[in-house]
Amino acid sequence: MTSLREAVRRRLGLAARDMTDPIGYTYAVHWTKTARVWDREQRERARLALLHLTRQGDFEATTQERRYIVKEVDDIPHAGASLIALLGVLDALDHSKGDPPEEHR
């Protein structure tokens, strides 16, 4: 079985020795810690909301400016690049492990 860390790196196209997007990697690490305890339904609600948001014509993958609040994720503003990283993490989680263990919910 692929480790969660390796699945995220592969899915986001990041290798520790060849990190071309350190901001995206940092966001991915943050979201991995957060989303790994979400159940499948929470991940899917977040994914659908993020897909809807990121497909809008005025969405920008800002690296630091926090413009976007996604209620299905939480109630605080996030940078666009952070939300793109979350989409990648959600995809990696669903392809690597399935539901988290009960004690983490």
C-alpha atoms as a PDB file:
ATOM      1  CA  MET A   1       0.000   0.000   0.000  1.00  0.00           C
ATOM      2  CA  THR A   2       1.266   3.466  -0.873  1.00  0.00           C
ATOM      3  CA  SER A   3       1.881   5.770   2.078  1.00  0.00           C
ATOM      4  CA  LEU A   4      -0.322   8.821   2.335  1.00  0.00           C
ATOM      5  CA  ARG A   5       2.689  11.125   2.006  1.00  0.00           C
ATOM      6  CA  GLU A   6       3.839   9.379  -1.166  1.00  0.00           C
ATOM      7  CA  ALA A   7       0.308   9.378  -2.615  1.00  0.00           C
ATOM      8  CA  VAL A   8       0.027  13.134  -2.078  1.00  0.00           C
ATOM      9  CA  ARG A   9       3.444  13.740  -3.619  1.00  0.00           C
ATOM     10  CA  ARG A  10       2.631  11.617  -6.660  1.00  0.00           C
ATOM     11  CA  ARG A  11      -0.812  13.131  -7.124  1.00  0.00           C
ATOM     12  CA  LEU A  12       0.494  16.687  -6.898  1.00  0.00           C
ATOM     13  CA  GLY A  13       3.588  15.886  -8.952  1.00  0.00           C
ATOM     14  CA  LEU A  14       5.941  16.845  -6.135  1.00  0.00           C
ATOM     15  CA  ALA A  15       9.155  15.183  -5.066  1.00  0.00           C
ATOM     16  CA  ALA A  16      10.967  16.287  -1.937  1.00  0.00           C
ATOM     17  CA  ARG A  17      14.258  16.758  -3.789  1.00  0.00           C
ATOM     18  CA  ASP A  18      12.708  18.595  -6.752  1.00  0.00           C
ATOM     19  CA  MET A  19      10.135  20.872  -5.184  1.00  0.00           C
ATOM     20  CA  THR A  20       9.117  23.322  -7.913  1.00  0.00           C
ATOM     21  CA  ASP A  21       6.106  24.643  -5.997  1.00  0.00           C
ATOM     22  CA  PRO A  22       7.008  25.043  -2.315  1.00  0.00           C
ATOM     23  CA  ILE A  23       3.846  27.055  -1.585  1.00  0.00           C
ATOM     24  CA  GLY A  24       1.624  24.367  -3.097  1.00  0.00           C
ATOM     25  CA  TYR A  25       3.532  21.705  -1.196  1.00  0.00           C
ATOM     26  CA  THR A  26       3.105  23.598   2.075  1.00  0.00           C
ATOM     27  CA  TYR A  27      -0.620  23.926   1.456  1.00  0.00           C
ATOM     28  CA  ALA A  28      -0.807  20.211   0.586  1.00  0.00           C
ATOM     29  CA  VAL A  29       0.889  19.249   3.855  1.00  0.00           C
ATOM     30  CA  HIS A  30      -1.561  21.431   5.808  1.00  0.00           C
ATOM     31  CA  TRP A  31      -4.598  19.998   4.031  1.00  0.00           C
ATOM     32  CA  THR A  32      -3.343  16.436   4.367  1.00  0.00           C
ATOM     33  CA  LYS A  33      -3.254  16.845   8.143  1.00  0.00           C
ATOM     34  CA  THR A  34      -6.752  18.324   8.097  1.00  0.00           C
ATOM     35  CA  ALA A  35      -8.582  16.220   5.518  1.00  0.00           C
ATOM     36  CA  ARG A  36      -7.230  12.820   6.507  1.00  0.00           C
ATOM     37  CA  VAL A  37      -9.627  12.760   9.468  1.00  0.00           C
ATOM     38  CA  TRP A  38     -12.678  13.674   7.384  1.00  0.00           C
ATOM     39  CA  ASP A  39     -15.013  10.846   6.469  1.00  0.00           C
ATOM     40  CA  ARG A  40     -15.810  10.054   2.842  1.00  0.00           C
ATOM     41  CA  GLU A  41     -18.994  12.178   2.863  1.00  0.00           C
ATOM     42  CA  GLN A  42     -17.158  15.252   4.178  1.00  0.00           C
ATOM     43  CA  ARG A  43     -14.449  14.825   1.558  1.00  0.00           C
ATOM     44  CA  GLU A  44     -17.040  14.540  -1.201  1.00  0.00           C
ATOM     45  CA  ARG A  45     -18.993  17.616  -0.029  1.00  0.00           C
ATOM     46  CA  ALA A  46     -15.761  19.600   0.060  1.00  0.00           C
ATOM     47  CA  ARG A  47     -14.677  18.295  -3.351  1.00  0.00           C
ATOM     48  CA  LEU A  48     -17.957  19.240  -5.023  1.00  0.00           C
ATOM     49  CA  ALA A  49     -17.920  22.728  -3.515  1.00  0.00           C
ATOM     50  CA  LEU A  50     -14.294  23.229  -4.536  1.00  0.00           C
ATOM     51  CA  LEU A  51     -14.913  22.032  -8.078  1.00  0.00           C
ATOM     52  CA  HIS A  52     -17.827  24.435  -8.394  1.00  0.00           C
ATOM     53  CA  LEU A  53     -15.721  27.333  -7.100  1.00  0.00           C
ATOM     54  CA  THR A  54     -12.573  26.617  -9.102  1.00  0.00           C
ATOM     55  CA  ARG A  55     -14.498  26.277 -12.372  1.00  0.00           C
ATOM     56  CA  GLN A  56     -15.903  29.782 -12.106  1.00  0.00           C
ATOM     57  CA  GLY A  57     -14.389  32.228 -14.579  1.00  0.00           C
ATOM     58  CA  ASP A  58     -13.243  34.675 -11.919  1.00  0.00           C
ATOM     59  CA  PHE A  59     -11.431  32.119  -9.715  1.00  0.00           C
ATOM     60  CA  GLU A  60      -7.741  32.882  -9.236  1.00  0.00           C
ATOM     61  CA  ALA A  61      -5.175  30.593  -7.662  1.00  0.00           C
ATOM     62  CA  THR A  62      -3.819  33.339  -5.422  1.00  0.00           C
ATOM     63  CA  THR A  63      -0.882  32.196  -3.323  1.00  0.00           C
ATOM     64  CA  GLN A  64      -1.382  34.401  -0.280  1.00  0.00           C
ATOM     65  CA  GLU A  65      -4.457  36.580  -0.714  1.00  0.00           C
ATOM     66  CA  ARG A  66      -7.307  34.820   1.071  1.00  0.00           C
ATOM     67  CA  ARG A  67     -10.404  35.505  -1.014  1.00  0.00           C
ATOM     68  CA  TYR A  68     -12.474  32.358  -0.837  1.00  0.00           C
ATOM     69  CA  ILE A  69     -14.683  30.939   1.895  1.00  0.00           C
ATOM     70  CA  VAL A  70     -15.953  27.419   1.279  1.00  0.00           C
ATOM     71  CA  LYS A  71     -18.577  26.550   3.901  1.00  0.00           C
ATOM     72  CA  GLU A  72     -18.172  22.838   3.188  1.00  0.00           C
ATOM     73  CA  VAL A  73     -14.541  23.140   4.318  1.00  0.00           C
ATOM     74  CA  ASP A  74     -14.700  25.727   7.114  1.00  0.00           C
ATOM     75  CA  ASP A  75     -15.686  29.335   7.754  1.00  0.00           C
ATOM     76  CA  ILE A  76     -12.398  31.112   7.134  1.00  0.00           C
ATOM     77  CA  PRO A  77     -11.032  32.663   3.930  1.00  0.00           C
ATOM     78  CA  HIS A  78      -8.438  30.717   1.925  1.00  0.00           C
ATOM     79  CA  ALA A  79      -6.058  31.504  -0.906  1.00  0.00           C
ATOM     80  CA  GLY A  80      -6.973  30.011  -4.264  1.00  0.00           C
ATOM     81  CA  ALA A  81      -3.737  27.993  -4.389  1.00  0.00           C
ATOM     82  CA  SER A  82      -4.608  26.522  -1.007  1.00  0.00           C
ATOM     83  CA  LEU A  83      -7.954  25.299  -2.313  1.00  0.00           C
ATOM     84  CA  ILE A  84      -6.328  23.830  -5.424  1.00  0.00           C
ATOM     85  CA  ALA A  85      -3.953  21.948  -3.115  1.00  0.00           C
ATOM     86  CA  LEU A  86      -6.930  20.712  -1.092  1.00  0.00           C
ATOM     87  CA  LEU A  87      -8.501  19.299  -4.251  1.00  0.00           C
ATOM     88  CA  GLY A  88      -5.292  17.388  -4.945  1.00  0.00           C
ATOM     89  CA  VAL A  89      -5.137  16.107  -1.380  1.00  0.00           C
ATOM     90  CA  LEU A  90      -8.759  14.948  -1.481  1.00  0.00           C
ATOM     91  CA  ASP A  91      -8.053  13.065  -4.692  1.00  0.00           C
ATOM     92  CA  ALA A  92      -4.921  11.488  -3.224  1.00  0.00           C
ATOM     93  CA  LEU A  93      -6.744  10.476  -0.037  1.00  0.00           C
ATOM     94  CA  ASP A  94      -9.550   8.832  -1.935  1.00  0.00           C
ATOM     95  CA  HIS A  95      -7.096   6.922  -4.118  1.00  0.00           C
ATOM     96  CA  SER A  96      -4.862   5.761  -1.275  1.00  0.00           C
ATOM     97  CA  LYS A  97      -6.819   4.831   1.831  1.00  0.00           C
ATOM     98  CA  GLY A  98     -10.573   5.160   1.707  1.00  0.00           C
ATOM     99  CA  ASP A  99     -12.169   6.102   5.014  1.00  0.00           C
ATOM    100  CA  PRO A 100      -9.952   7.050   7.963  1.00  0.00           C
ATOM    101  CA  PRO A 101      -9.853   4.830  11.036  1.00  0.00           C
ATOM    102  CA  GLU A 102     -12.729   5.291  13.483  1.00  0.00           C
ATOM    103  CA  GLU A 103     -10.553   6.739  16.249  1.00  0.00           C
ATOM    104  CA  HIS A 104      -9.614   9.708  14.019  1.00  0.00           C
ATOM    105  CA  ARG A 105     -13.152  10.862  13.288  1.00  0.00           C
END
